[in-house]
Amino acid sequence: VQLQAFGGGLVQAGGFLRLSCAASGRTFSSYGMGWFRQAPGKEREFVAAISRSGGITNYADSVKGRFTISRDNAKNAVHLQMNSLKPEDTAVYYCAANRFGGIAPGPGFDSWGQGTQVTVSS
């Protein structure tokens, strides 16, 4: 599967952004999908993931209650609604696909899109 993320930008603290990831291929619904992020000088970290059907989600503690992951299998897309953004959310955000359908962070996420920059100003 090929992935392309978009929707990043510059926003003030407390604001919101919606990231989207478009996927190619006819087997999109067989993948668990996730979002990860990497801040300057830091390792890439897990943000959120969603199961094949969209019925189960998983979030990092740092974004629970502020971010919502969703998917539209008919449109081969996954989204990340980010509310109440904080300066520490500043990072490059990547979407990723897990060909085993899992939603736990780990090596199962082996297809990656290019990142989209999110910058939150204080």
PDB file of N, CA and C in Angstrom:
ATOM      1  N   VAL A   1       0.843  -1.183   0.000  1.00  0.00           N
ATOM      2  CA  VAL A   1       0.000   0.000   0.000  1.00  0.00           C
ATOM      3  C   VAL A   1       0.882   1.238   0.000  1.00  0.00           C
ATOM      4  N   GLN A   2       0.473   2.223  -0.770  1.00  0.00           N
ATOM      5  CA  GLN A   2       1.192   3.497  -0.782  1.00  0.00           C
ATOM      6  C   GLN A   2       0.346   4.535  -0.056  1.00  0.00           C
ATOM      7  N   LEU A   3       1.030   5.351   0.718  1.00  0.00           N
ATOM      8  CA  LEU A   3       0.329   6.295   1.583  1.00  0.00           C
ATOM      9  C   LEU A   3       0.826   7.711   1.337  1.00  0.00           C
ATOM     10  N   GLN A   4      -0.087   8.649   1.434  1.00  0.00           N
ATOM     11  CA  GLN A   4       0.274  10.056   1.303  1.00  0.00           C
ATOM     12  C   GLN A   4      -0.502  10.857   2.336  1.00  0.00           C
ATOM     13  N   ALA A   5       0.233  11.486   3.229  1.00  0.00           N
ATOM     14  CA  ALA A   5      -0.377  12.283   4.277  1.00  0.00           C
ATOM     15  C   ALA A   5      -0.389  13.750   3.902  1.00  0.00           C
ATOM     16  N   PHE A   6      -1.412  14.452   4.351  1.00  0.00           N
ATOM     17  CA  PHE A   6      -1.488  15.874   4.101  1.00  0.00           C
ATOM     18  C   PHE A   6      -2.386  16.519   5.167  1.00  0.00           C
ATOM     19  N   GLY A   7      -2.374  17.838   5.180  1.00  0.00           N
ATOM     20  CA  GLY A   7      -3.218  18.562   6.122  1.00  0.00           C
ATOM     21  C   GLY A   7      -2.477  19.278   7.235  1.00  0.00           C
ATOM     22  N   GLY A   8      -1.158  19.130   7.275  1.00  0.00           N
ATOM     23  CA  GLY A   8      -0.398  19.812   8.312  1.00  0.00           C
ATOM     24  C   GLY A   8      -0.368  21.313   8.097  1.00  0.00           C
ATOM     25  N   GLY A   9       0.187  22.011   9.074  1.00  0.00           N
ATOM     26  CA  GLY A   9       0.281  23.455   8.961  1.00  0.00           C
ATOM     27  C   GLY A   9       0.703  24.086  10.261  1.00  0.00           C
ATOM     28  N   LEU A  10       0.573  25.403  10.298  1.00  0.00           N
ATOM     29  CA  LEU A  10       0.917  26.177  11.486  1.00  0.00           C
ATOM     30  C   LEU A  10      -0.369  26.605  12.179  1.00  0.00           C
ATOM     31  N   VAL A  11      -0.443  26.358  13.477  1.00  0.00           N
ATOM     32  CA  VAL A  11      -1.642  26.695  14.232  1.00  0.00           C
ATOM     33  C   VAL A  11      -1.229  27.171  15.610  1.00  0.00           C
ATOM     34  N   GLN A  12      -2.039  28.012  16.198  1.00  0.00           N
ATOM     35  CA  GLN A  12      -1.757  28.485  17.548  1.00  0.00           C
ATOM     36  C   GLN A  12      -2.172  27.440  18.577  1.00  0.00           C
ATOM     37  N   ALA A  13      -1.552  27.491  19.715  1.00  0.00           N
ATOM     38  CA  ALA A  13      -1.918  26.599  20.811  1.00  0.00           C
ATOM     39  C   ALA A  13      -3.405  26.751  21.119  1.00  0.00           C
ATOM     40  N   GLY A  14      -4.039  25.606  21.331  1.00  0.00           N
ATOM     41  CA  GLY A  14      -5.477  25.598  21.560  1.00  0.00           C
ATOM     42  C   GLY A  14      -6.289  25.397  20.302  1.00  0.00           C
ATOM     43  N   GLY A  15      -5.626  25.499  19.162  1.00  0.00           N
ATOM     44  CA  GLY A  15      -6.314  25.345  17.896  1.00  0.00           C
ATOM     45  C   GLY A  15      -6.457  23.896  17.474  1.00  0.00           C
ATOM     46  N   PHE A  16      -6.856  23.725  16.224  1.00  0.00           N
ATOM     47  CA  PHE A  16      -7.092  22.368  15.733  1.00  0.00           C
ATOM     48  C   PHE A  16      -6.607  22.234  14.299  1.00  0.00           C
ATOM     49  N   LEU A  17      -6.343  20.987  13.944  1.00  0.00           N
ATOM     50  CA  LEU A  17      -5.992  20.609  12.570  1.00  0.00           C
ATOM     51  C   LEU A  17      -6.573  19.230  12.307  1.00  0.00           C
ATOM     52  N   ARG A  18      -6.799  18.954  11.055  1.00  0.00           N
ATOM     53  CA  ARG A  18      -7.252  17.624  10.635  1.00  0.00           C
ATOM     54  C   ARG A  18      -6.290  17.095   9.600  1.00  0.00           C
ATOM     55  N   LEU A  19      -5.614  16.028   9.940  1.00  0.00           N
ATOM     56  CA  LEU A  19      -4.713  15.375   9.007  1.00  0.00           C
ATOM     57  C   LEU A  19      -5.462  14.270   8.269  1.00  0.00           C
ATOM     58  N   SER A  20      -5.075  14.075   7.041  1.00  0.00           N
ATOM     59  CA  SER A  20      -5.643  12.996   6.250  1.00  0.00           C
ATOM     60  C   SER A  20      -4.522  12.203   5.604  1.00  0.00           C
ATOM     61  N   CYS A  21      -4.829  10.953   5.314  1.00  0.00           N
ATOM     62  CA  CYS A  21      -3.875  10.081   4.646  1.00  0.00           C
ATOM     63  C   CYS A  21      -4.627   9.308   3.581  1.00  0.00           C
ATOM     64  N   ALA A  22      -4.193   9.461   2.352  1.00  0.00           N
ATOM     65  CA  ALA A  22      -4.799   8.750   1.238  1.00  0.00           C
ATOM     66  C   ALA A  22      -3.973   7.511   0.918  1.00  0.00           C
ATOM     67  N   ALA A  23      -4.662   6.395   0.740  1.00  0.00           N
ATOM     68  CA  ALA A  23      -3.980   5.131   0.476  1.00  0.00           C
ATOM     69  C   ALA A  23      -4.347   4.598  -0.898  1.00  0.00           C
ATOM     70  N   SER A  24      -3.374   3.994  -1.543  1.00  0.00           N
ATOM     71  CA  SER A  24      -3.635   3.361  -2.831  1.00  0.00           C
ATOM     72  C   SER A  24      -3.890   1.876  -2.612  1.00  0.00           C
ATOM     73  N   GLY A  25      -4.462   1.230  -3.601  1.00  0.00           N
ATOM     74  CA  GLY A  25      -4.650  -0.210  -3.515  1.00  0.00           C
ATOM     75  C   GLY A  25      -6.051  -0.603  -3.114  1.00  0.00           C
ATOM     76  N   ARG A  26      -6.388  -1.858  -3.425  1.00  0.00           N
ATOM     77  CA  ARG A  26      -7.740  -2.340  -3.181  1.00  0.00           C
ATOM     78  C   ARG A  26      -7.873  -3.085  -1.866  1.00  0.00           C
ATOM     79  N   THR A  27      -6.778  -3.179  -1.108  1.00  0.00           N
ATOM     80  CA  THR A  27      -6.833  -3.945   0.128  1.00  0.00           C
ATOM     81  C   THR A  27      -6.721  -3.065   1.358  1.00  0.00           C
ATOM     82  N   PHE A  28      -7.065  -1.794   1.214  1.00  0.00           N
ATOM     83  CA  PHE A  28      -6.921  -0.849   2.316  1.00  0.00           C
ATOM     84  C   PHE A  28      -7.636  -1.333   3.572  1.00  0.00           C
ATOM     85  N   SER A  29      -8.802  -1.897   3.418  1.00  0.00           N
ATOM     86  CA  SER A  29      -9.592  -2.307   4.578  1.00  0.00           C
ATOM     87  C   SER A  29      -8.986  -3.490   5.328  1.00  0.00           C
ATOM     88  N   SER A  30      -7.954  -4.088   4.783  1.00  0.00           N
ATOM     89  CA  SER A  30      -7.309  -5.201   5.470  1.00  0.00           C
ATOM     90  C   SER A  30      -6.179  -4.742   6.390  1.00  0.00           C
ATOM     91  N   TYR A  31      -5.854  -3.453   6.354  1.00  0.00           N
ATOM     92  CA  TYR A  31      -4.751  -2.915   7.135  1.00  0.00           C
ATOM     93  C   TYR A  31      -5.240  -2.221   8.401  1.00  0.00           C
ATOM     94  N   GLY A  32      -4.521  -2.462   9.500  1.00  0.00           N
ATOM     95  CA  GLY A  32      -4.630  -1.538  10.603  1.00  0.00           C
ATOM     96  C   GLY A  32      -3.890  -0.271  10.200  1.00  0.00           C
ATOM     97  N   MET A  33      -4.414   0.872  10.607  1.00  0.00           N
ATOM     98  CA  MET A  33      -3.801   2.133  10.202  1.00  0.00           C
ATOM     99  C   MET A  33      -3.413   2.940  11.435  1.00  0.00           C
ATOM    100  N   GLY A  34      -2.327   3.670  11.294  1.00  0.00           N
ATOM    101  CA  GLY A  34      -1.867   4.428  12.445  1.00  0.00           C
ATOM    102  C   GLY A  34      -1.251   5.757  12.055  1.00  0.00           C
ATOM    103  N   TRP A  35      -1.103   6.574  13.058  1.00  0.00           N
ATOM    104  CA  TRP A  35      -0.386   7.838  12.938  1.00  0.00           C
ATOM    105  C   TRP A  35       0.763   7.845  13.947  1.00  0.00           C
ATOM    106  N   PHE A  36       1.894   8.303  13.487  1.00  0.00           N
ATOM    107  CA  PHE A  36       3.076   8.452  14.329  1.00  0.00           C
ATOM    108  C   PHE A  36       3.596   9.871  14.118  1.00  0.00           C
ATOM    109  N   ARG A  37       4.476  10.298  15.005  1.00  0.00           N
ATOM    110  CA  ARG A  37       5.053  11.635  14.840  1.00  0.00           C
ATOM    111  C   ARG A  37       6.501  11.636  15.307  1.00  0.00           C
ATOM    112  N   GLN A  38       7.249  12.575  14.752  1.00  0.00           N
ATOM    113  CA  GLN A  38       8.645  12.716  15.141  1.00  0.00           C
ATOM    114  C   GLN A  38       8.974  14.184  15.285  1.00  0.00           C
ATOM    115  N   ALA A  39       9.344  14.566  16.484  1.00  0.00           N
ATOM    116  CA  ALA A  39       9.744  15.933  16.767  1.00  0.00           C
ATOM    117  C   ALA A  39      11.255  16.066  16.550  1.00  0.00           C
ATOM    118  N   PRO A  40      11.732  17.275  16.308  1.00  0.00           N
ATOM    119  CA  PRO A  40      13.172  17.472  16.095  1.00  0.00           C
ATOM    120  C   PRO A  40      13.989  16.931  17.261  1.00  0.00           C
ATOM    121  N   GLY A  41      14.980  16.125  16.945  1.00  0.00           N
ATOM    122  CA  GLY A  41      15.861  15.595  17.969  1.00  0.00           C
ATOM    123  C   GLY A  41      15.286  14.467  18.792  1.00  0.00           C
ATOM    124  N   LYS A  42      14.097  14.008  18.431  1.00  0.00           N
ATOM    125  CA  LYS A  42      13.461  12.934  19.189  1.00  0.00           C
ATOM    126  C   LYS A  42      13.175  11.744  18.292  1.00  0.00           C
ATOM    127  N   GLU A  43      12.938  10.609  18.917  1.00  0.00           N
ATOM    128  CA  GLU A  43      12.574   9.425  18.167  1.00  0.00           C
ATOM    129  C   GLU A  43      11.113   9.509  17.730  1.00  0.00           C
ATOM    130  N   ARG A  44      10.814   8.775  16.683  1.00  0.00           N
ATOM    131  CA  ARG A  44       9.433   8.706  16.235  1.00  0.00           C
ATOM    132  C   ARG A  44       8.587   8.020  17.303  1.00  0.00           C
ATOM    133  N   GLU A  45       7.393   8.541  17.539  1.00  0.00           N
ATOM    134  CA  GLU A  45       6.534   7.976  18.573  1.00  0.00           C
ATOM    135  C   GLU A  45       5.129   7.713  18.037  1.00  0.00           C
ATOM    136  N   PHE A  46       4.499   6.762  18.635  1.00  0.00           N
ATOM    137  CA  PHE A  46       3.137   6.384  18.290  1.00  0.00           C
ATOM    138  C   PHE A  46       2.164   7.455  18.735  1.00  0.00           C
ATOM    139  N   VAL A  47       1.154   7.714  17.911  1.00  0.00           N
ATOM    140  CA  VAL A  47       0.116   8.688  18.259  1.00  0.00           C
ATOM    141  C   VAL A  47      -1.241   7.998  18.402  1.00  0.00           C
ATOM    142  N   ALA A  48      -1.660   7.293  17.361  1.00  0.00           N
ATOM    143  CA  ALA A  48      -2.985   6.677  17.377  1.00  0.00           C
ATOM    144  C   ALA A  48      -3.044   5.603  16.305  1.00  0.00           C
ATOM    145  N   ALA A  49      -3.966   4.657  16.480  1.00  0.00           N
ATOM    146  CA  ALA A  49      -4.176   3.619  15.480  1.00  0.00           C
ATOM    147  C   ALA A  49      -5.635   3.205  15.491  1.00  0.00           C
ATOM    148  N   ILE A  50      -6.041   2.598  14.374  1.00  0.00           N
ATOM    149  CA  ILE A  50      -7.437   2.201  14.225  1.00  0.00           C
ATOM    150  C   ILE A  50      -7.493   0.851  13.522  1.00  0.00           C
ATOM    151  N   SER A  51      -8.431   0.027  13.938  1.00  0.00           N
ATOM    152  CA  SER A  51      -8.547  -1.324  13.400  1.00  0.00           C
ATOM    153  C   SER A  51      -9.110  -1.313  11.988  1.00  0.00           C
ATOM    154  N   ARG A  52      -9.118  -2.460  11.366  1.00  0.00           N
ATOM    155  CA  ARG A  52      -9.548  -2.582   9.972  1.00  0.00           C
ATOM    156  C   ARG A  52     -10.938  -2.016   9.737  1.00  0.00           C
ATOM    157  N   SER A  53     -11.834  -2.336  10.638  1.00  0.00           N
ATOM    158  CA  SER A  53     -13.220  -1.891  10.471  1.00  0.00           C
ATOM    159  C   SER A  53     -13.463  -0.503  11.031  1.00  0.00           C
ATOM    160  N   GLY A  54     -12.507  -0.025  11.812  1.00  0.00           N
ATOM    161  CA  GLY A  54     -12.677   1.262  12.481  1.00  0.00           C
ATOM    162  C   GLY A  54     -13.326   1.148  13.847  1.00  0.00           C
ATOM    163  N   GLY A  55     -13.632  -0.056  14.271  1.00  0.00           N
ATOM    164  CA  GLY A  55     -14.354  -0.226  15.529  1.00  0.00           C
ATOM    165  C   GLY A  55     -13.514  -0.143  16.772  1.00  0.00           C
ATOM    166  N   ILE A  56     -12.210  -0.293  16.617  1.00  0.00           N
ATOM    167  CA  ILE A  56     -11.307  -0.258  17.771  1.00  0.00           C
ATOM    168  C   ILE A  56     -10.206   0.766  17.497  1.00  0.00           C
ATOM    169  N   THR A  57      -9.942   1.585  18.499  1.00  0.00           N
ATOM    170  CA  THR A  57      -8.892   2.596  18.383  1.00  0.00           C
ATOM    171  C   THR A  57      -7.917   2.487  19.547  1.00  0.00           C
ATOM    172  N   ASN A  58      -6.766   3.047  19.350  1.00  0.00           N
ATOM    173  CA  ASN A  58      -5.712   3.018  20.343  1.00  0.00           C
ATOM    174  C   ASN A  58      -5.005   4.367  20.301  1.00  0.00           C
ATOM    175  N   TYR A  59      -4.768   4.962  21.462  1.00  0.00           N
ATOM    176  CA  TYR A  59      -4.160   6.291  21.515  1.00  0.00           C
ATOM    177  C   TYR A  59      -2.994   6.318  22.489  1.00  0.00           C
ATOM    178  N   ALA A  60      -2.030   7.137  22.169  1.00  0.00           N
ATOM    179  CA  ALA A  60      -0.992   7.439  23.142  1.00  0.00           C
ATOM    180  C   ALA A  60      -1.613   8.275  24.268  1.00  0.00           C
ATOM    181  N   ASP A  61      -1.101   8.088  25.472  1.00  0.00           N
ATOM    182  CA  ASP A  61      -1.650   8.828  26.618  1.00  0.00           C
ATOM    183  C   ASP A  61      -1.593  10.335  26.405  1.00  0.00           C
ATOM    184  N   SER A  62      -0.570  10.780  25.712  1.00  0.00           N
ATOM    185  CA  SER A  62      -0.358  12.222  25.539  1.00  0.00           C
ATOM    186  C   SER A  62      -1.414  12.890  24.664  1.00  0.00           C
ATOM    187  N   VAL A  63      -2.174  12.104  23.905  1.00  0.00           N
ATOM    188  CA  VAL A  63      -3.165  12.696  23.001  1.00  0.00           C
ATOM    189  C   VAL A  63      -4.587  12.268  23.312  1.00  0.00           C
ATOM    190  N   LYS A  64      -4.758  11.376  24.266  1.00  0.00           N
ATOM    191  CA  LYS A  64      -6.107  10.910  24.609  1.00  0.00           C
ATOM    192  C   LYS A  64      -6.993  12.081  25.000  1.00  0.00           C
ATOM    193  N   GLY A  65      -8.200  12.073  24.454  1.00  0.00           N
ATOM    194  CA  GLY A  65      -9.152  13.131  24.761  1.00  0.00           C
ATOM    195  C   GLY A  65      -9.000  14.360  23.891  1.00  0.00           C
ATOM    196  N   ARG A  66      -7.913  14.440  23.124  1.00  0.00           N
ATOM    197  CA  ARG A  66      -7.695  15.590  22.249  1.00  0.00           C
ATOM    198  C   ARG A  66      -7.691  15.196  20.776  1.00  0.00           C
ATOM    199  N   PHE A  67      -7.178  14.023  20.472  1.00  0.00           N
ATOM    200  CA  PHE A  67      -7.071  13.559  19.089  1.00  0.00           C
ATOM    201  C   PHE A  67      -8.081  12.446  18.847  1.00  0.00           C
ATOM    202  N   THR A  68      -8.574  12.384  17.620  1.00  0.00           N
ATOM    203  CA  THR A  68      -9.479  11.313  17.216  1.00  0.00           C
ATOM    204  C   THR A  68      -9.060  10.769  15.862  1.00  0.00           C
ATOM    205  N   ILE A  69      -8.853   9.477  15.819  1.00  0.00           N
ATOM    206  CA  ILE A  69      -8.522   8.815  14.551  1.00  0.00           C
ATOM    207  C   ILE A  69      -9.790   8.202  13.985  1.00  0.00           C
ATOM    208  N   SER A  70      -9.927   8.282  12.662  1.00  0.00           N
ATOM    209  CA  SER A  70     -11.068   7.680  11.987  1.00  0.00           C
ATOM    210  C   SER A  70     -10.611   7.202  10.610  1.00  0.00           C
ATOM    211  N   ARG A  71     -11.428   6.394   9.992  1.00  0.00           N
ATOM    212  CA  ARG A  71     -11.101   5.918   8.650  1.00  0.00           C
ATOM    213  C   ARG A  71     -12.363   5.796   7.821  1.00  0.00           C
ATOM    214  N   ASP A  72     -12.161   5.876   6.520  1.00  0.00           N
ATOM    215  CA  ASP A  72     -13.241   5.704   5.549  1.00  0.00           C
ATOM    216  C   ASP A  72     -12.744   4.684   4.541  1.00  0.00           C
ATOM    217  N   ASN A  73     -13.146   3.444   4.719  1.00  0.00           N
ATOM    218  CA  ASN A  73     -12.644   2.381   3.844  1.00  0.00           C
ATOM    219  C   ASN A  73     -13.151   2.530   2.412  1.00  0.00           C
ATOM    220  N   ALA A  74     -14.295   3.150   2.228  1.00  0.00           N
ATOM    221  CA  ALA A  74     -14.818   3.357   0.877  1.00  0.00           C
ATOM    222  C   ALA A  74     -13.952   4.341   0.096  1.00  0.00           C
ATOM    223  N   LYS A  75     -13.273   5.229   0.835  1.00  0.00           N
ATOM    224  CA  LYS A  75     -12.438   6.241   0.182  1.00  0.00           C
ATOM    225  C   LYS A  75     -10.951   6.001   0.396  1.00  0.00           C
ATOM    226  N   ASN A  76     -10.617   4.862   0.993  1.00  0.00           N
ATOM    227  CA  ASN A  76      -9.200   4.543   1.242  1.00  0.00           C
ATOM    228  C   ASN A  76      -8.491   5.685   1.981  1.00  0.00           C
ATOM    229  N   ALA A  77      -9.096   6.134   3.066  1.00  0.00           N
ATOM    230  CA  ALA A  77      -8.534   7.277   3.768  1.00  0.00           C
ATOM    231  C   ALA A  77      -8.592   7.070   5.273  1.00  0.00           C
ATOM    232  N   VAL A  78      -7.633   7.648   5.942  1.00  0.00           N
ATOM    233  CA  VAL A  78      -7.613   7.680   7.401  1.00  0.00           C
ATOM    234  C   VAL A  78      -7.347   9.118   7.820  1.00  0.00           C
ATOM    235  N   HIS A  79      -7.980   9.519   8.907  1.00  0.00           N
ATOM    236  CA  HIS A  79      -7.893  10.912   9.345  1.00  0.00           C
ATOM    237  C   HIS A  79      -7.447  10.987  10.797  1.00  0.00           C
ATOM    238  N   LEU A  80      -6.890  12.128  11.141  1.00  0.00           N
ATOM    239  CA  LEU A  80      -6.543  12.400  12.527  1.00  0.00           C
ATOM    240  C   LEU A  80      -7.026  13.811  12.856  1.00  0.00           C
ATOM    241  N   GLN A  81      -8.083  13.882  13.627  1.00  0.00           N
ATOM    242  CA  GLN A  81      -8.589  15.172  14.089  1.00  0.00           C
ATOM    243  C   GLN A  81      -7.837  15.537  15.359  1.00  0.00           C
ATOM    244  N   MET A  82      -7.175  16.671  15.332  1.00  0.00           N
ATOM    245  CA  MET A  82      -6.351  17.091  16.457  1.00  0.00           C
ATOM    246  C   MET A  82      -6.920  18.384  17.029  1.00  0.00           C
ATOM    247  N   ASN A  83      -7.409  18.310  18.247  1.00  0.00           N
ATOM    248  CA  ASN A  83      -7.978  19.473  18.930  1.00  0.00           C
ATOM    249  C   ASN A  83      -7.109  19.857  20.116  1.00  0.00           C
ATOM    250  N   SER A  84      -7.344  21.048  20.615  1.00  0.00           N
ATOM    251  CA  SER A  84      -6.607  21.537  21.791  1.00  0.00           C
ATOM    252  C   SER A  84      -5.107  21.318  21.639  1.00  0.00           C
ATOM    253  N   LEU A  85      -4.598  21.726  20.506  1.00  0.00           N
ATOM    254  CA  LEU A  85      -3.190  21.480  20.204  1.00  0.00           C
ATOM    255  C   LEU A  85      -2.278  22.237  21.154  1.00  0.00           C
ATOM    256  N   LYS A  86      -1.140  21.607  21.443  1.00  0.00           N
ATOM    257  CA  LYS A  86      -0.152  22.164  22.348  1.00  0.00           C
ATOM    258  C   LYS A  86       1.171  22.312  21.600  1.00  0.00           C
ATOM    259  N   PRO A  87       2.041  23.204  22.040  1.00  0.00           N
ATOM    260  CA  PRO A  87       3.344  23.328  21.371  1.00  0.00           C
ATOM    261  C   PRO A  87       4.107  22.003  21.326  1.00  0.00           C
ATOM    262  N   GLU A  88       3.925  21.159  22.313  1.00  0.00           N
ATOM    263  CA  GLU A  88       4.620  19.870  22.314  1.00  0.00           C
ATOM    264  C   GLU A  88       4.069  18.884  21.297  1.00  0.00           C
ATOM    265  N   ASP A  89       2.993  19.239  20.625  1.00  0.00           N
ATOM    266  CA  ASP A  89       2.491  18.412  19.526  1.00  0.00           C
ATOM    267  C   ASP A  89       3.222  18.710  18.219  1.00  0.00           C
ATOM    268  N   THR A  90       4.072  19.708  18.231  1.00  0.00           N
ATOM    269  CA  THR A  90       4.843  20.055  17.036  1.00  0.00           C
ATOM    270  C   THR A  90       5.723  18.891  16.610  1.00  0.00           C
ATOM    271  N   ALA A  91       5.567  18.476  15.372  1.00  0.00           N
ATOM    272  CA  ALA A  91       6.309  17.316  14.863  1.00  0.00           C
ATOM    273  C   ALA A  91       5.943  17.102  13.399  1.00  0.00           C
ATOM    274  N   VAL A  92       6.688  16.222  12.777  1.00  0.00           N
ATOM    275  CA  VAL A  92       6.279  15.692  11.477  1.00  0.00           C
ATOM    276  C   VAL A  92       5.402  14.473  11.750  1.00  0.00           C
ATOM    277  N   TYR A  93       4.227  14.454  11.173  1.00  0.00           N
ATOM    278  CA  TYR A  93       3.272  13.375  11.393  1.00  0.00           C
ATOM    279  C   TYR A  93       3.267  12.445  10.186  1.00  0.00           C
ATOM    280  N   TYR A  94       3.317  11.156  10.478  1.00  0.00           N
ATOM    281  CA  TYR A  94       3.346  10.128   9.446  1.00  0.00           C
ATOM    282  C   TYR A  94       2.154   9.191   9.612  1.00  0.00           C
ATOM    283  N   CYS A  95       1.570   8.792   8.494  1.00  0.00           N
ATOM    284  CA  CYS A  95       0.605   7.698   8.563  1.00  0.00           C
ATOM    285  C   CYS A  95       1.314   6.407   8.190  1.00  0.00           C
ATOM    286  N   ALA A  96       0.807   5.330   8.712  1.00  0.00           N
ATOM    287  CA  ALA A  96       1.440   4.032   8.506  1.00  0.00           C
ATOM    288  C   ALA A  96       0.384   2.938   8.453  1.00  0.00           C
ATOM    289  N   ALA A  97       0.727   1.854   7.785  1.00  0.00           N
ATOM    290  CA  ALA A  97      -0.188   0.727   7.621  1.00  0.00           C
ATOM    291  C   ALA A  97       0.408  -0.532   8.232  1.00  0.00           C
ATOM    292  N   ASN A  98      -0.439  -1.281   8.910  1.00  0.00           N
ATOM    293  CA  ASN A  98      -0.046  -2.555   9.507  1.00  0.00           C
ATOM    294  C   ASN A  98      -0.716  -3.677   8.728  1.00  0.00           C
ATOM    295  N   ARG A  99       0.088  -4.425   7.984  1.00  0.00           N
ATOM    296  CA  ARG A  99      -0.482  -5.441   7.099  1.00  0.00           C
ATOM    297  C   ARG A  99      -1.079  -6.608   7.864  1.00  0.00           C
ATOM    298  N   PHE A 100      -0.793  -6.728   9.157  1.00  0.00           N
ATOM    299  CA  PHE A 100      -1.399  -7.772   9.974  1.00  0.00           C
ATOM    300  C   PHE A 100      -2.695  -7.292  10.626  1.00  0.00           C
ATOM    301  N   GLY A 101      -3.018  -6.031  10.418  1.00  0.00           N
ATOM    302  CA  GLY A 101      -4.258  -5.483  10.957  1.00  0.00           C
ATOM    303  C   GLY A 101      -4.172  -5.003  12.389  1.00  0.00           C
ATOM    304  N   GLY A 102      -2.995  -5.095  12.991  1.00  0.00           N
ATOM    305  CA  GLY A 102      -2.855  -4.730  14.381  1.00  0.00           C
ATOM    306  C   GLY A 102      -2.898  -3.232  14.617  1.00  0.00           C
ATOM    307  N   ILE A 103      -3.145  -2.859  15.863  1.00  0.00           N
ATOM    308  CA  ILE A 103      -3.191  -1.438  16.202  1.00  0.00           C
ATOM    309  C   ILE A 103      -2.263  -1.092  17.361  1.00  0.00           C
ATOM    310  N   ALA A 104      -1.443  -2.028  17.759  1.00  0.00           N
ATOM    311  CA  ALA A 104      -0.439  -1.730  18.778  1.00  0.00           C
ATOM    312  C   ALA A 104       0.823  -1.234  18.088  1.00  0.00           C
ATOM    313  N   PRO A 105       1.478  -0.235  18.658  1.00  0.00           N
ATOM    314  CA  PRO A 105       2.707   0.248  18.024  1.00  0.00           C
ATOM    315  C   PRO A 105       3.750  -0.853  17.967  1.00  0.00           C
ATOM    316  N   GLY A 106       4.442  -0.939  16.850  1.00  0.00           N
ATOM    317  CA  GLY A 106       5.439  -1.980  16.714  1.00  0.00           C
ATOM    318  C   GLY A 106       5.807  -2.189  15.266  1.00  0.00           C
ATOM    319  N   PRO A 107       6.623  -3.213  15.003  1.00  0.00           N
ATOM    320  CA  PRO A 107       7.138  -3.446  13.650  1.00  0.00           C
ATOM    321  C   PRO A 107       6.081  -3.859  12.642  1.00  0.00           C
ATOM    322  N   GLY A 108       4.872  -4.172  13.093  1.00  0.00           N
ATOM    323  CA  GLY A 108       3.812  -4.504  12.151  1.00  0.00           C
ATOM    324  C   GLY A 108       3.464  -3.348  11.234  1.00  0.00           C
ATOM    325  N   PHE A 109       3.742  -2.136  11.697  1.00  0.00           N
ATOM    326  CA  PHE A 109       3.538  -0.968  10.833  1.00  0.00           C
ATOM    327  C   PHE A 109       4.752  -0.862   9.923  1.00  0.00           C
ATOM    328  N   ASP A 110       4.610  -1.373   8.719  1.00  0.00           N
ATOM    329  CA  ASP A 110       5.765  -1.457   7.839  1.00  0.00           C
ATOM    330  C   ASP A 110       5.588  -0.739   6.519  1.00  0.00           C
ATOM    331  N   SER A 111       4.499  -0.016   6.349  1.00  0.00           N
ATOM    332  CA  SER A 111       4.322   0.830   5.173  1.00  0.00           C
ATOM    333  C   SER A 111       4.109   2.249   5.675  1.00  0.00           C
ATOM    334  N   TRP A 112       4.884   3.161   5.111  1.00  0.00           N
ATOM    335  CA  TRP A 112       4.888   4.533   5.627  1.00  0.00           C
ATOM    336  C   TRP A 112       4.705   5.521   4.496  1.00  0.00           C
ATOM    337  N   GLY A 113       3.969   6.578   4.807  1.00  0.00           N
ATOM    338  CA  GLY A 113       3.864   7.677   3.876  1.00  0.00           C
ATOM    339  C   GLY A 113       4.896   8.732   4.193  1.00  0.00           C
ATOM    340  N   GLN A 114       4.973   9.735   3.353  1.00  0.00           N
ATOM    341  CA  GLN A 114       5.832  10.868   3.684  1.00  0.00           C
ATOM    342  C   GLN A 114       5.138  11.663   4.774  1.00  0.00           C
ATOM    343  N   GLY A 115       5.867  12.405   5.528  1.00  0.00           N
ATOM    344  CA  GLY A 115       5.286  13.113   6.643  1.00  0.00           C
ATOM    345  C   GLY A 115       4.663  14.437   6.252  1.00  0.00           C
ATOM    346  N   THR A 116       3.877  14.955   7.169  1.00  0.00           N
ATOM    347  CA  THR A 116       3.324  16.295   7.027  1.00  0.00           C
ATOM    348  C   THR A 116       3.633  17.062   8.310  1.00  0.00           C
ATOM    349  N   GLN A 117       4.122  18.274   8.146  1.00  0.00           N
ATOM    350  CA  GLN A 117       4.601  19.048   9.285  1.00  0.00           C
ATOM    351  C   GLN A 117       3.437  19.716  10.014  1.00  0.00           C
ATOM    352  N   VAL A 118       3.429  19.550  11.319  1.00  0.00           N
ATOM    353  CA  VAL A 118       2.492  20.253  12.187  1.00  0.00           C
ATOM    354  C   VAL A 118       3.309  21.119  13.142  1.00  0.00           C
ATOM    355  N   THR A 119       3.026  22.401  13.154  1.00  0.00           N
ATOM    356  CA  THR A 119       3.721  23.326  14.040  1.00  0.00           C
ATOM    357  C   THR A 119       2.684  24.070  14.875  1.00  0.00           C
ATOM    358  N   VAL A 120       2.846  23.989  16.194  1.00  0.00           N
ATOM    359  CA  VAL A 120       1.928  24.644  17.113  1.00  0.00           C
ATOM    360  C   VAL A 120       2.692  25.744  17.843  1.00  0.00           C
ATOM    361  N   SER A 121       2.254  26.954  17.641  1.00  0.00           N
ATOM    362  CA  SER A 121       2.929  28.093  18.277  1.00  0.00           C
ATOM    363  C   SER A 121       2.276  28.422  19.613  1.00  0.00           C
ATOM    364  N   SER A 122       3.107  28.898  20.521  1.00  0.00           N
ATOM    365  CA  SER A 122       2.583  29.221  21.864  1.00  0.00           C
ATOM    366  C   SER A 122       2.108  30.657  21.943  1.00  0.00           C
TER     367      SER A 122
END
